[in-house]
Each structure stands twice: as structure tokens, then as C-alpha cells.
C-alpha atoms as a PDB file:
ATOM      1  CA  UNK A   1      -5.684  13.425   5.597  1.00  0.00           C
ATOM      2  CA  UNK A   2      -2.678  12.216   3.437  1.00  0.00           C
ATOM      3  CA  UNK A   3       0.007  13.461   1.888  1.00  0.00           C
ATOM      4  CA  UNK A   4       0.941  11.107  -0.658  1.00  0.00           C
ATOM      5  CA  UNK A   5       1.234   7.170  -0.873  1.00  0.00           C
ATOM      6  CA  UNK A   6       4.376   5.425  -1.865  1.00  0.00           C
ATOM      7  CA  UNK A   7       4.181   2.048  -3.321  1.00  0.00           C
ATOM      8  CA  UNK A   8       6.365  -0.714  -4.348  1.00  0.00           C
ATOM      9  CA  UNK A   9       5.981  -4.345  -5.553  1.00  0.00           C
ATOM     10  CA  UNK A  10       8.657  -7.102  -5.997  1.00  0.00           C
ATOM     11  CA  UNK A  11       8.259  -9.230  -9.248  1.00  0.00           C
ATOM     12  CA  UNK A  12      10.113 -12.461  -8.747  1.00  0.00           C
ATOM     13  CA  UNK A  13      11.277 -14.625 -11.520  1.00  0.00           C
ATOM     14  CA  UNK A  14       8.707 -17.173 -11.737  1.00  0.00           C
ATOM     15  CA  UNK A  15       5.996 -14.381 -11.774  1.00  0.00           C
ATOM     16  CA  UNK A  16       4.234 -12.559 -14.626  1.00  0.00           C
ATOM     17  CA  UNK A  17       5.211  -9.059 -14.227  1.00  0.00           C
ATOM     18  CA  UNK A  18       2.387  -7.794 -16.794  1.00  0.00           C
ATOM     19  CA  UNK A  19      -0.340  -9.431 -14.353  1.00  0.00           C
ATOM     20  CA  UNK A  20       1.312  -8.269 -11.138  1.00  0.00           C
ATOM     21  CA  UNK A  21       1.648  -4.605 -13.402  1.00  0.00           C
ATOM     22  CA  UNK A  22      -2.578  -4.519 -14.116  1.00  0.00           C
ATOM     23  CA  UNK A  23      -3.153  -5.816 -10.448  1.00  0.00           C
ATOM     24  CA  UNK A  24      -1.245  -2.403  -9.540  1.00  0.00           C
ATOM     25  CA  UNK A  25      -3.568  -0.542 -11.511  1.00  0.00           C
ATOM     26  CA  UNK A  26      -6.576  -2.219 -10.824  1.00  0.00           C
ATOM     27  CA  UNK A  27      -6.236  -1.339  -6.774  1.00  0.00           C
ATOM     28  CA  UNK A  28      -4.410   2.048  -7.272  1.00  0.00           C
ATOM     29  CA  UNK A  29      -6.006   3.296 -10.017  1.00  0.00           C
ATOM     30  CA  UNK A  30      -4.357   5.770 -13.048  1.00  0.00           C
ATOM     31  CA  UNK A  31      -0.989   5.636 -11.074  1.00  0.00           C
ATOM     32  CA  UNK A  32       3.015   6.208 -12.989  1.00  0.00           C
ATOM     33  CA  UNK A  33       4.767   3.141 -12.240  1.00  0.00           C
ATOM     34  CA  UNK A  34       8.304   3.195 -12.058  1.00  0.00           C
ATOM     35  CA  UNK A  35      10.504   0.086 -13.280  1.00  0.00           C
ATOM     36  CA  UNK A  36      13.986  -0.822 -11.458  1.00  0.00           C
ATOM     37  CA  UNK A  37      15.944  -4.103 -11.806  1.00  0.00           C
ATOM     38  CA  UNK A  38      17.687  -5.476  -9.133  1.00  0.00           C
ATOM     39  CA  UNK A  39      19.542  -8.727  -8.551  1.00  0.00           C
ATOM     40  CA  UNK A  40      18.350 -10.982  -6.158  1.00  0.00           C
ATOM     41  CA  UNK A  41      19.887 -13.180  -3.746  1.00  0.00           C
ATOM     42  CA  UNK A  42      20.304 -16.141  -6.414  1.00  0.00           C
ATOM     43  CA  UNK A  43      21.376 -13.686  -8.475  1.00  0.00           C
ATOM     44  CA  UNK A  44      18.269 -13.471 -10.494  1.00  0.00           C
ATOM     45  CA  UNK A  45      16.835 -10.307 -11.726  1.00  0.00           C
ATOM     46  CA  UNK A  46      14.171  -8.938  -9.665  1.00  0.00           C
ATOM     47  CA  UNK A  47      11.360  -6.400 -11.285  1.00  0.00           C
ATOM     48  CA  UNK A  48      10.869  -3.500  -8.837  1.00  0.00           C
ATOM     49  CA  UNK A  49       7.684  -1.619  -9.295  1.00  0.00           C
ATOM     50  CA  UNK A  50       7.181   1.415  -7.445  1.00  0.00           C
ATOM     51  CA  UNK A  51       5.904   4.855  -7.621  1.00  0.00           C
ATOM     52  CA  UNK A  52       4.397   7.635  -5.467  1.00  0.00           C
ATOM     53  CA  UNK A  53       0.750   9.064  -5.325  1.00  0.00           C
ATOM     54  CA  UNK A  54      -0.028  12.664  -4.684  1.00  0.00           C
ATOM     55  CA  UNK A  55      -2.940  13.658  -6.683  1.00  0.00           C
ATOM     56  CA  UNK A  56      -5.691  14.466  -4.254  1.00  0.00           C
ATOM     57  CA  UNK A  57      -8.274  12.699  -6.205  1.00  0.00           C
ATOM     58  CA  UNK A  58      -6.487   9.285  -6.612  1.00  0.00           C
ATOM     59  CA  UNK A  59      -5.536   9.360  -2.569  1.00  0.00           C
ATOM     60  CA  UNK A  60      -9.178  10.029  -2.238  1.00  0.00           C
ATOM     61  CA  UNK A  61     -10.415   7.614  -4.524  1.00  0.00           C
ATOM     62  CA  UNK A  62      -7.712   5.066  -3.021  1.00  0.00           C
ATOM     63  CA  UNK A  63      -8.628   5.092   0.532  1.00  0.00           C
ATOM     64  CA  UNK A  64     -12.327   5.137  -0.182  1.00  0.00           C
ATOM     65  CA  UNK A  65     -11.797   1.818  -2.408  1.00  0.00           C
ATOM     66  CA  UNK A  66     -10.087   0.310   0.961  1.00  0.00           C
ATOM     67  CA  UNK A  67     -12.432   1.160   3.029  1.00  0.00           C
ATOM     68  CA  UNK A  68     -15.297  -0.193   0.956  1.00  0.00           C
ATOM     69  CA  UNK A  69     -13.509  -2.881  -1.085  1.00  0.00           C
ATOM     70  CA  UNK A  70     -11.189  -4.473   1.554  1.00  0.00           C
ATOM     71  CA  UNK A  71     -12.075  -7.870   3.311  1.00  0.00           C
ATOM     72  CA  UNK A  72     -10.582  -7.467   6.824  1.00  0.00           C
ATOM     73  CA  UNK A  73     -11.714  -7.076  10.126  1.00  0.00           C
ATOM     74  CA  UNK A  74     -11.767  -3.540  10.575  1.00  0.00           C
ATOM     75  CA  UNK A  75     -11.909  -3.439  14.480  1.00  0.00           C
ATOM     76  CA  UNK A  76      -8.477  -6.048  14.292  1.00  0.00           C
ATOM     77  CA  UNK A  77      -6.897  -3.727  12.192  1.00  0.00           C
ATOM     78  CA  UNK A  78      -8.059  -0.675  13.904  1.00  0.00           C
ATOM     79  CA  UNK A  79      -6.316  -2.078  17.484  1.00  0.00           C
ATOM     80  CA  UNK A  80      -3.207  -3.052  15.399  1.00  0.00           C
ATOM     81  CA  UNK A  81      -2.646   0.505  13.847  1.00  0.00           C
ATOM     82  CA  UNK A  82       0.207   1.474  16.839  1.00  0.00           C
ATOM     83  CA  UNK A  83       2.485  -1.607  15.186  1.00  0.00           C
ATOM     84  CA  UNK A  84       1.757  -0.464  11.772  1.00  0.00           C
ATOM     85  CA  UNK A  85       3.001   3.142  12.245  1.00  0.00           C
ATOM     86  CA  UNK A  86       5.958   4.971  12.390  1.00  0.00           C
ATOM     87  CA  UNK A  87       7.183   7.554  14.352  1.00  0.00           C
ATOM     88  CA  UNK A  88       7.074  10.005  11.463  1.00  0.00           C
ATOM     89  CA  UNK A  89       3.210   9.607  10.804  1.00  0.00           C
ATOM     90  CA  UNK A  90       3.680   6.664   7.931  1.00  0.00           C
ATOM     91  CA  UNK A  91       1.452   3.943   7.844  1.00  0.00           C
ATOM     92  CA  UNK A  92       2.492   0.752   6.711  1.00  0.00           C
ATOM     93  CA  UNK A  93       0.021  -1.758   4.714  1.00  0.00           C
ATOM     94  CA  UNK A  94       0.430  -4.441   2.614  1.00  0.00           C
ATOM     95  CA  UNK A  95      -1.590  -5.904   0.014  1.00  0.00           C
ATOM     96  CA  UNK A  96      -2.227  -9.358  -1.583  1.00  0.00           C
ATOM     97  CA  UNK A  97      -0.684  -9.454  -4.813  1.00  0.00           C
ATOM     98  CA  UNK A  98      -2.920 -12.344  -5.942  1.00  0.00           C
ATOM     99  CA  UNK A  99      -6.043 -10.685  -4.702  1.00  0.00           C
ATOM    100  CA  UNK A 100      -5.132  -7.682  -6.885  1.00  0.00           C
ATOM    101  CA  UNK A 101      -4.863  -9.259  -9.896  1.00  0.00           C
ATOM    102  CA  UNK A 102      -8.278 -10.193  -9.151  1.00  0.00           C
ATOM    103  CA  UNK A 103      -9.348  -7.033  -8.550  1.00  0.00           C
ATOM    104  CA  UNK A 104      -9.896  -7.549  -5.124  1.00  0.00           C
ATOM    105  CA  UNK A 105      -8.198  -5.838  -1.811  1.00  0.00           C
ATOM    106  CA  UNK A 106      -7.064  -7.687   1.012  1.00  0.00           C
ATOM    107  CA  UNK A 107      -4.874  -6.753   3.581  1.00  0.00           C
ATOM    108  CA  UNK A 108      -1.508  -9.133   4.622  1.00  0.00           C
ATOM    109  CA  UNK A 109       0.029  -9.187   7.881  1.00  0.00           C
ATOM    110  CA  UNK A 110       3.304 -10.264   6.005  1.00  0.00           C
ATOM    111  CA  UNK A 111       5.072 -12.146   3.194  1.00  0.00           C
ATOM    112  CA  UNK A 112       5.201 -11.330  -0.294  1.00  0.00           C
ATOM    113  CA  UNK A 113       3.251  -8.233  -1.416  1.00  0.00           C
ATOM    114  CA  UNK A 114       2.570  -4.979  -1.969  1.00  0.00           C
ATOM    115  CA  UNK A 115       3.889  -2.365  -0.048  1.00  0.00           C
ATOM    116  CA  UNK A 116       1.752   0.980   0.911  1.00  0.00           C
ATOM    117  CA  UNK A 117       3.410   3.768   2.519  1.00  0.00           C
ATOM    118  CA  UNK A 118       1.179   6.054   3.507  1.00  0.00           C
ATOM    119  CA  UNK A 119       1.951   9.582   4.924  1.00  0.00           C
ATOM    120  CA  UNK A 120      -0.754  10.846   7.049  1.00  0.00           C
ATOM    121  CA  UNK A 121      -1.116  14.543   7.578  1.00  0.00           C
ATOM    122  CA  UNK A 122      -0.373  15.316  11.212  1.00  0.00           C
ATOM    123  CA  UNK A 123       0.690  18.157  12.366  1.00  0.00           C
ATOM    124  CA  UNK A 124       3.377  17.968  14.183  1.00  0.00           C
ATOM    125  CA  UNK A 125       4.265  14.932  12.268  1.00  0.00           C
ATOM    126  CA  UNK A 126       4.024  12.151  15.645  1.00  0.00           C
ATOM    127  CA  UNK A 127       2.483   9.217  15.858  1.00  0.00           C
ATOM    128  CA  UNK A 128       0.435   9.681  18.693  1.00  0.00           C
ATOM    129  CA  UNK A 129      -1.168  12.517  16.595  1.00  0.00           C
ATOM    130  CA  UNK A 130      -1.502  10.363  13.543  1.00  0.00           C
ATOM    131  CA  UNK A 131      -2.970   7.630  15.059  1.00  0.00           C
ATOM    132  CA  UNK A 132      -6.773   9.158  15.837  1.00  0.00           C
ATOM    133  CA  UNK A 133      -6.313  10.358  12.445  1.00  0.00           C
ATOM    134  CA  UNK A 134      -6.199   7.318  10.708  1.00  0.00           C
ATOM    135  CA  UNK A 135      -8.682   5.579  13.144  1.00  0.00           C
ATOM    136  CA  UNK A 136     -11.328   8.316  12.085  1.00  0.00           C
ATOM    137  CA  UNK A 137     -10.266   7.696   8.110  1.00  0.00           C
ATOM    138  CA  UNK A 138     -11.104   3.643   8.367  1.00  0.00           C
ATOM    139  CA  UNK A 139     -13.633   4.152  10.756  1.00  0.00           C
END
């Protein structure tokens, strides 16, 4: 039901990179994390932690954890699915960085967060075909 998941997390100078890296591992499992340094608006360095998950076991475990551990209103989430997807059947979810450090999953609607881009296996790859798949996945 899922082809892959891309993740990205921005670490700002006032944040502890090691805590946030551990938070990623807490919520995503045993994934390979790439590290890149970029320049922020004030010319301060920003670390970008990112990667791509393609291993089926990790994908399945992550979705199972999302369904069982998330602190969120499932009906509200499913009602907003249309706004959280693009036309190419990618589902975008933001998770709280602070909650991840505590091994908890919390969906956010915006702000500084862990960005997940979930490629839904829909054929053809269209939003209107992917939405029922996502609803079944998170039901």
C-alpha cells in the first residue's frame, strides 16, 4: 500500500541535534539518516536530517505504529486527507519533534516538525485513487 516514505527534519542552532536524531529513530525505526548542512536566513548553519525508507518491514511497522500510537482524532484526520495529499498520491504528515524525543507520535498541522512524504501505491498514481487507500490504511 506504500511505495516509500521520505522524511526530513531541520535542526536549528538552538536545538540538540543528537536528541532530535534519536527522536527520528524512536518514531521511524532503524533507518539510515543523511546529514546535510545548509545556511539559514541569518546565515546560521541549519542541519537537515533526511532519508528514504523503502524496506517493506520498516514501512509496515511504521504505519502500524502510526495507527496504534498516534495521539490524534482519527475522524478529523481522515476528513482532512484531501488537503494532506498532492495529485501524485503523496500523503504529507508532520510529526512533533518534541514528542518524538519522548518516543511519542503526535500529528501537527504546521510548524517546526518532522516532515513525512508517504508515497501511496495507487494505480494509476492519482489523488482520487489514493484517498480511499489511505482511508482504509488508517481506519
